[in-house]
């Protein structure tokens, strides 16, 4: 008498996933979520850098204009 299915002793020996089953849909969702979070973080970082650049240019211009005024120039 032959068995149609192999005898299982409580665990699946055909897949080596160490207990984590990734369906393709779950894997796709996980990857796209990580990519979206990374790209959003990257955009925020770029905006902060650009803001700091504009702030530095603005403060440089203000300090330069203040130093060029004769009544505020301490030298």
C-alpha atoms as a PDB file:
ATOM      1  CA  UNK A   1       0.000   0.000   0.000  1.00  0.00           C
ATOM      2  CA  UNK A   2       1.537   3.299  -1.080  1.00  0.00           C
ATOM      3  CA  UNK A   3       0.712   6.626   0.467  1.00  0.00           C
ATOM      4  CA  UNK A   4      -0.342   9.485  -1.773  1.00  0.00           C
ATOM      5  CA  UNK A   5       1.277  12.077   0.497  1.00  0.00           C
ATOM      6  CA  UNK A   6       4.481  11.790   2.510  1.00  0.00           C
ATOM      7  CA  UNK A   7       4.102  11.439   6.236  1.00  0.00           C
ATOM      8  CA  UNK A   8       4.682  14.744   8.010  1.00  0.00           C
ATOM      9  CA  UNK A   9       5.985  14.883  11.551  1.00  0.00           C
ATOM     10  CA  UNK A  10       4.707  18.332  12.453  1.00  0.00           C
ATOM     11  CA  UNK A  11       6.860  20.471  10.182  1.00  0.00           C
ATOM     12  CA  UNK A  12       7.220  21.133   6.502  1.00  0.00           C
ATOM     13  CA  UNK A  13      10.523  19.762   5.268  1.00  0.00           C
ATOM     14  CA  UNK A  14      10.136  20.943   1.675  1.00  0.00           C
ATOM     15  CA  UNK A  15      10.569  24.684   2.335  1.00  0.00           C
ATOM     16  CA  UNK A  16      13.531  26.116   4.192  1.00  0.00           C
ATOM     17  CA  UNK A  17      12.032  29.392   5.391  1.00  0.00           C
ATOM     18  CA  UNK A  18      12.951  29.079   9.079  1.00  0.00           C
ATOM     19  CA  UNK A  19       9.349  29.567  10.122  1.00  0.00           C
ATOM     20  CA  UNK A  20       8.669  32.740   8.089  1.00  0.00           C
ATOM     21  CA  UNK A  21       6.457  32.357   5.060  1.00  0.00           C
ATOM     22  CA  UNK A  22       6.760  35.242   2.614  1.00  0.00           C
ATOM     23  CA  UNK A  23       4.048  35.324   0.052  1.00  0.00           C
ATOM     24  CA  UNK A  24       4.945  37.281  -3.094  1.00  0.00           C
ATOM     25  CA  UNK A  25       2.281  39.875  -2.263  1.00  0.00           C
ATOM     26  CA  UNK A  26       3.644  40.383   1.256  1.00  0.00           C
ATOM     27  CA  UNK A  27       7.203  40.621  -0.035  1.00  0.00           C
ATOM     28  CA  UNK A  28       6.170  43.180  -2.668  1.00  0.00           C
ATOM     29  CA  UNK A  29       4.301  45.223  -0.031  1.00  0.00           C
ATOM     30  CA  UNK A  30       7.286  45.108   2.333  1.00  0.00           C
ATOM     31  CA  UNK A  31       9.761  46.186  -0.368  1.00  0.00           C
ATOM     32  CA  UNK A  32       7.572  49.035  -1.673  1.00  0.00           C
ATOM     33  CA  UNK A  33       6.928  50.271   1.874  1.00  0.00           C
ATOM     34  CA  UNK A  34      10.645  50.364   2.621  1.00  0.00           C
ATOM     35  CA  UNK A  35      11.338  52.133  -0.683  1.00  0.00           C
ATOM     36  CA  UNK A  36       8.615  54.713  -0.009  1.00  0.00           C
ATOM     37  CA  UNK A  37       9.906  55.420   3.491  1.00  0.00           C
ATOM     38  CA  UNK A  38      13.469  55.744   2.222  1.00  0.00           C
ATOM     39  CA  UNK A  39      12.500  58.069  -0.624  1.00  0.00           C
ATOM     40  CA  UNK A  40      10.407  60.216   1.729  1.00  0.00           C
ATOM     41  CA  UNK A  41      13.319  60.432   4.165  1.00  0.00           C
ATOM     42  CA  UNK A  42      15.612  61.347   1.285  1.00  0.00           C
ATOM     43  CA  UNK A  43      13.265  64.136   0.152  1.00  0.00           C
ATOM     44  CA  UNK A  44      13.119  65.560   3.677  1.00  0.00           C
ATOM     45  CA  UNK A  45      16.905  65.464   3.875  1.00  0.00           C
ATOM     46  CA  UNK A  46      17.227  67.282   0.539  1.00  0.00           C
ATOM     47  CA  UNK A  47      14.727  69.927   1.681  1.00  0.00           C
ATOM     48  CA  UNK A  48      16.629  70.477   4.934  1.00  0.00           C
ATOM     49  CA  UNK A  49      19.909  70.853   3.056  1.00  0.00           C
ATOM     50  CA  UNK A  50      18.365  73.308   0.587  1.00  0.00           C
ATOM     51  CA  UNK A  51      16.753  75.268   3.437  1.00  0.00           C
ATOM     52  CA  UNK A  52      20.083  75.500   5.236  1.00  0.00           C
ATOM     53  CA  UNK A  53      21.762  76.681   2.047  1.00  0.00           C
ATOM     54  CA  UNK A  54      19.172  79.408   1.530  1.00  0.00           C
ATOM     55  CA  UNK A  55      19.330  80.341   5.213  1.00  0.00           C
ATOM     56  CA  UNK A  56      23.118  80.632   5.059  1.00  0.00           C
ATOM     57  CA  UNK A  57      22.906  82.789   1.945  1.00  0.00           C
ATOM     58  CA  UNK A  58      20.238  84.964   3.592  1.00  0.00           C
ATOM     59  CA  UNK A  59      22.203  85.463   6.813  1.00  0.00           C
ATOM     60  CA  UNK A  60      25.362  86.191   4.832  1.00  0.00           C
ATOM     61  CA  UNK A  61      23.539  88.846   2.824  1.00  0.00           C
ATOM     62  CA  UNK A  62      22.032  90.402   5.942  1.00  0.00           C
ATOM     63  CA  UNK A  63      25.367  90.484   7.751  1.00  0.00           C
ATOM     64  CA  UNK A  64      27.090  91.892   4.688  1.00  0.00           C
ATOM     65  CA  UNK A  65      24.478  94.608   4.268  1.00  0.00           C
ATOM     66  CA  UNK A  66      24.701  95.469   7.969  1.00  0.00           C
ATOM     67  CA  UNK A  67      28.471  95.631   7.851  1.00  0.00           C
ATOM     68  CA  UNK A  68      28.385  97.927   4.827  1.00  0.00           C
ATOM     69  CA  UNK A  69      26.240 100.487   6.617  1.00  0.00           C
ATOM     70  CA  UNK A  70      28.458 103.124   8.121  1.00  0.00           C
ATOM     71  CA  UNK A  71      26.346 103.799  11.198  1.00  0.00           C
ATOM     72  CA  UNK A  72      26.381 100.122  12.237  1.00  0.00           C
ATOM     73  CA  UNK A  73      29.929  99.379  11.192  1.00  0.00           C
ATOM     74  CA  UNK A  74      32.115  99.158  14.317  1.00  0.00           C
ATOM     75  CA  UNK A  75      35.344  99.609  12.333  1.00  0.00           C
END
